[in-house]
Protein backbone atom coordinates (compact mmCIF):
# COMPACT_ATOMS: atom_id res chain seq x y z
CA MET A 1 -0.91 -63.60 30.37
CA ARG A 2 -4.01 -62.45 30.67
CA LEU A 3 -5.34 -62.06 33.95
CA SER A 4 -8.83 -60.75 33.95
CA ILE A 5 -9.94 -63.21 35.96
CA PHE A 6 -8.03 -60.63 38.80
CA ASN A 7 -9.68 -57.32 37.46
CA GLN A 8 -13.53 -59.31 37.36
CA SER A 9 -12.91 -60.61 41.03
CA LYS A 10 -12.24 -57.62 42.01
CA LYS A 11 -15.72 -56.33 40.91
CA ASP A 12 -17.41 -59.52 42.02
CA SER A 13 -15.32 -60.68 45.03
CA HIS A 14 -18.40 -61.32 46.70
CA LYS A 15 -19.16 -64.12 44.00
CA GLY A 16 -16.19 -66.29 44.17
CA SER A 17 -14.08 -67.35 47.08
CA TYR A 18 -9.91 -65.68 47.07
CA GLU A 19 -8.79 -69.39 46.26
CA SER A 20 -10.81 -69.70 43.04
CA VAL A 21 -9.49 -66.08 42.05
CA PHE A 22 -5.91 -67.72 43.14
CA LYS A 23 -5.88 -70.72 41.30
CA GLN A 24 -7.26 -68.71 38.35
CA VAL A 25 -3.88 -66.05 38.78
CA TYR A 26 -1.56 -69.27 39.36
CA LYS A 27 -3.15 -71.27 36.28
CA ASP A 28 -2.70 -67.74 34.16
CA SER A 29 0.34 -66.35 35.25
CA TYR A 30 2.55 -70.47 36.33
CA ALA A 31 4.04 -70.73 32.99
CA LYS A 32 5.22 -67.12 31.87
CA ILE A 33 6.29 -66.19 35.30
CA TYR A 34 8.34 -69.68 35.38
CA LYS A 35 9.94 -68.46 32.37
CA LEU A 36 10.78 -65.24 33.25
CA VAL A 37 12.55 -67.04 36.90
CA PHE A 38 14.41 -69.55 35.29
CA TYR A 39 15.91 -66.85 32.30
CA LEU A 40 17.41 -64.72 35.69
CA CYS A 41 18.57 -67.79 37.98
CA GLN A 42 18.78 -70.20 34.83
CA ASN A 43 18.39 -73.39 37.22
CA SER A 44 15.04 -75.15 37.35
CA GLU A 45 15.73 -75.98 40.81
CA ASN A 46 15.70 -72.20 42.04
CA THR A 47 13.47 -71.44 39.40
CA LYS A 48 10.92 -73.98 41.14
CA ASP A 49 12.38 -72.74 45.46
CA ILE A 50 11.33 -68.93 43.84
CA LEU A 51 8.15 -69.43 42.69
CA SER A 52 7.19 -71.74 45.45
CA GLU A 53 7.77 -68.99 47.79
CA PHE A 54 6.46 -66.34 45.59
CA TYR A 55 3.09 -68.00 45.17
CA LEU A 56 3.19 -68.50 49.43
CA LYS A 57 3.80 -65.26 49.82
CA LEU A 58 1.44 -64.03 47.15
CA TRP A 59 -1.50 -66.14 49.08
CA ASP A 60 -0.20 -64.55 51.79
CA LYS A 61 -1.21 -61.21 50.69
CA GLN A 62 -4.71 -61.78 49.67
CA GLN A 63 -5.93 -59.21 51.56
CA ASP A 64 -3.82 -56.53 49.65
CA PHE A 65 -5.42 -57.76 46.37
CA GLY A 66 -8.17 -55.41 46.41
CA THR A 67 -5.35 -52.47 46.34
CA ILE A 68 -3.36 -53.83 43.48
CA ASN A 69 -4.24 -51.68 40.15
CA ASN A 70 -2.58 -53.73 37.44
CA LEU A 71 -2.01 -57.22 38.50
CA GLU A 72 0.21 -58.48 35.61
CA ASN A 73 2.71 -55.44 36.68
CA TYR A 74 2.67 -56.34 39.94
CA LEU A 75 3.51 -59.79 39.10
CA LEU A 76 6.50 -59.25 37.65
CA VAL A 77 7.90 -57.25 39.70
CA ALA A 78 7.36 -58.97 42.92
CA VAL A 79 8.96 -62.12 41.13
CA ARG A 80 11.50 -60.07 39.58
CA ASN A 81 12.64 -58.71 43.46
CA GLU A 82 11.69 -62.40 44.75
CA THR A 83 14.40 -63.94 42.67
CA PHE A 84 16.91 -60.93 43.12
CA ASN A 85 16.31 -61.75 46.68
CA PHE A 86 17.00 -65.03 46.43
CA LEU A 87 20.26 -64.63 44.12
CA LYS A 88 21.63 -61.75 46.35
CA LYS A 89 20.88 -64.35 49.61
CA ASN A 90 23.40 -67.06 47.87
CA ASN A 91 25.46 -65.00 46.19
CA ARG A 92 24.77 -65.88 42.58
CA VAL A 93 25.25 -63.07 41.05
CA LYS A 94 26.01 -59.17 41.69
CA PHE A 95 24.08 -56.12 41.75
CA ASN A 96 25.24 -55.14 38.18
CA GLU A 97 24.83 -58.21 36.44
CA LEU A 98 21.04 -58.39 39.01
CA ASN A 99 20.38 -55.03 36.81
CA GLU A 100 21.52 -55.77 33.55
CA LEU A 101 19.38 -59.39 33.63
CA SER A 102 16.19 -57.82 34.20
CA ILE A 103 16.13 -54.86 32.61
CA THR A 104 17.99 -55.22 29.54
CA GLN A 105 18.61 -58.92 28.42
CA ALA A 106 14.71 -60.28 30.27
CA ALA A 107 12.78 -57.50 28.04
CA GLN A 108 14.15 -59.15 25.14
CA GLU A 109 12.04 -62.02 25.05
CA ALA A 110 9.24 -59.82 26.69
CA THR A 111 5.68 -59.07 25.39
CA PRO A 112 5.73 -55.39 23.79
CA GLU A 113 3.80 -54.20 27.40
CA GLU A 114 6.63 -56.41 29.34
CA HIS A 115 9.34 -54.09 27.14
CA ILE A 116 7.87 -51.17 27.65
CA PHE A 117 7.43 -51.72 31.59
CA HIS A 118 11.10 -52.93 31.88
CA GLN A 119 12.68 -49.82 30.34
CA GLU A 120 9.93 -47.45 32.03
CA THR A 121 11.53 -49.41 35.39
CA LYS A 122 15.29 -48.68 34.20
CA GLN A 123 14.70 -45.33 33.66
CA GLN A 124 12.80 -45.39 37.22
CA LEU A 125 16.40 -46.47 38.79
CA ILE A 126 18.06 -44.25 37.27
CA ARG A 127 16.43 -40.92 37.85
CA ALA A 128 16.09 -42.57 41.76
CA ILE A 129 19.98 -43.32 41.57
CA GLU A 130 20.37 -39.26 39.91
CA GLU A 131 18.62 -37.94 43.20
CA LEU A 132 20.91 -38.72 45.56
CA PRO A 133 23.51 -36.16 46.86
CA GLU A 134 26.24 -35.96 44.52
CA LYS A 135 29.00 -38.05 46.66
CA ARG A 136 26.56 -40.34 47.77
CA LYS A 137 25.75 -41.26 44.46
CA LEU A 138 29.42 -41.12 43.30
CA VAL A 139 29.99 -43.76 46.35
CA PHE A 140 26.97 -46.10 44.93
CA LYS A 141 27.33 -45.98 41.52
CA LEU A 142 30.98 -47.13 42.36
CA ASN A 143 30.00 -49.88 44.54
CA ARG A 144 26.16 -51.19 42.99
CA LEU A 145 27.53 -50.20 38.99
CA GLU A 146 31.51 -50.65 38.91
CA ASP A 147 31.64 -52.97 41.71
CA LYS A 148 33.70 -51.33 43.13
CA SER A 149 34.63 -53.17 46.66
CA THR A 150 34.66 -50.60 49.76
CA LYS A 151 38.18 -50.59 50.43
CA GLU A 152 38.77 -49.77 47.05
CA ILE A 153 36.28 -46.74 47.03
CA ALA A 154 37.86 -45.03 50.25
CA LEU A 155 41.15 -45.01 49.02
CA HIS A 156 39.72 -43.86 45.53
CA LEU A 157 37.78 -40.88 47.11
CA ASN A 158 40.05 -40.52 50.64
CA ILE A 159 37.28 -41.21 52.67
CA SER A 160 36.65 -43.90 55.63
CA ILE A 161 35.56 -47.84 54.50
CA LYS A 162 32.63 -46.88 57.35
CA THR A 163 31.99 -43.36 55.46
CA VAL A 164 31.59 -45.43 51.88
CA GLU A 165 28.91 -48.08 53.98
CA ASP A 166 27.20 -45.19 55.98
CA HIS A 167 26.89 -43.69 52.12
CA ILE A 168 25.66 -46.84 50.59
CA THR A 169 23.64 -47.72 53.30
CA LYS A 170 21.67 -44.81 53.09
CA SER A 171 21.56 -44.85 49.63
CA LEU A 172 19.57 -47.81 49.70
CA GLN A 173 17.56 -46.63 52.53
CA PHE A 174 16.47 -43.60 50.19
CA LEU A 175 15.56 -45.96 47.28
CA ARG A 176 13.89 -48.44 49.41
CA LYS A 177 11.41 -45.65 51.02
CA ARG A 178 11.00 -43.48 48.03
CA TYR A 179 10.83 -46.04 45.25
CA PRO A 180 9.42 -49.50 47.35
CA HIS A 181 7.97 -50.48 43.85
CA LEU A 182 11.76 -51.02 42.61
CA CYS A 183 13.28 -52.16 45.81
CA ASN A 184 11.50 -55.70 47.32
CA SER A 185 13.31 -55.91 50.43
C-alpha cells in the first residue's frame, strides 16, 4: 500500500481538495485494509460494515490529516481498532483472541514494514501492561490474557469482585490515557 499521494497532499494542500486526496487514499488503501479486516473477522458482511464505518470516520477526521506523520501506520492502527471495537461490541471474540489475531497471525501475511509495526505494537502493549502496579497488573492479566472471570479472580486473590472490577477499570483507563495509539476507544 503506497500512500505517497497523502504525503504530497500535505505539502500541496492548497492545490487539491480533500475529496480528491481522500479518494486517492481510499483507492490506494482499500484492498489491503479489506484483506486485514476480513482476516480479523472472517465475514464479508461484517468486513464491509466495518470498512464503511472506518472510512466515514476517516472522512470526518479530515482536519486532522495535517497532523498525521505516517498515514499507512495510522490507517492500519485505526482500522484494527475499529475491527476490535466491532468484534467486542458484537461479542464475536475475546480480548486475548483479538490480541493474538491482530498482532501475531495478521503479521504472518504482512509486508516486512507491517510485520515490524505489529511487533512494535505487541512490545508496546506488553511494556504498557508491565507499568501497572503489581496487584492491578496481576488482575488485568488474569482477566484479559487468561480469560478469568471477575468472580474467579476475586476467589483466587481473596479480594472482592468490586475490587477486581476497579483494578480492571483503572488498568484500562491507564492504558487508554498513557497509550492512546494502542487503545482506540
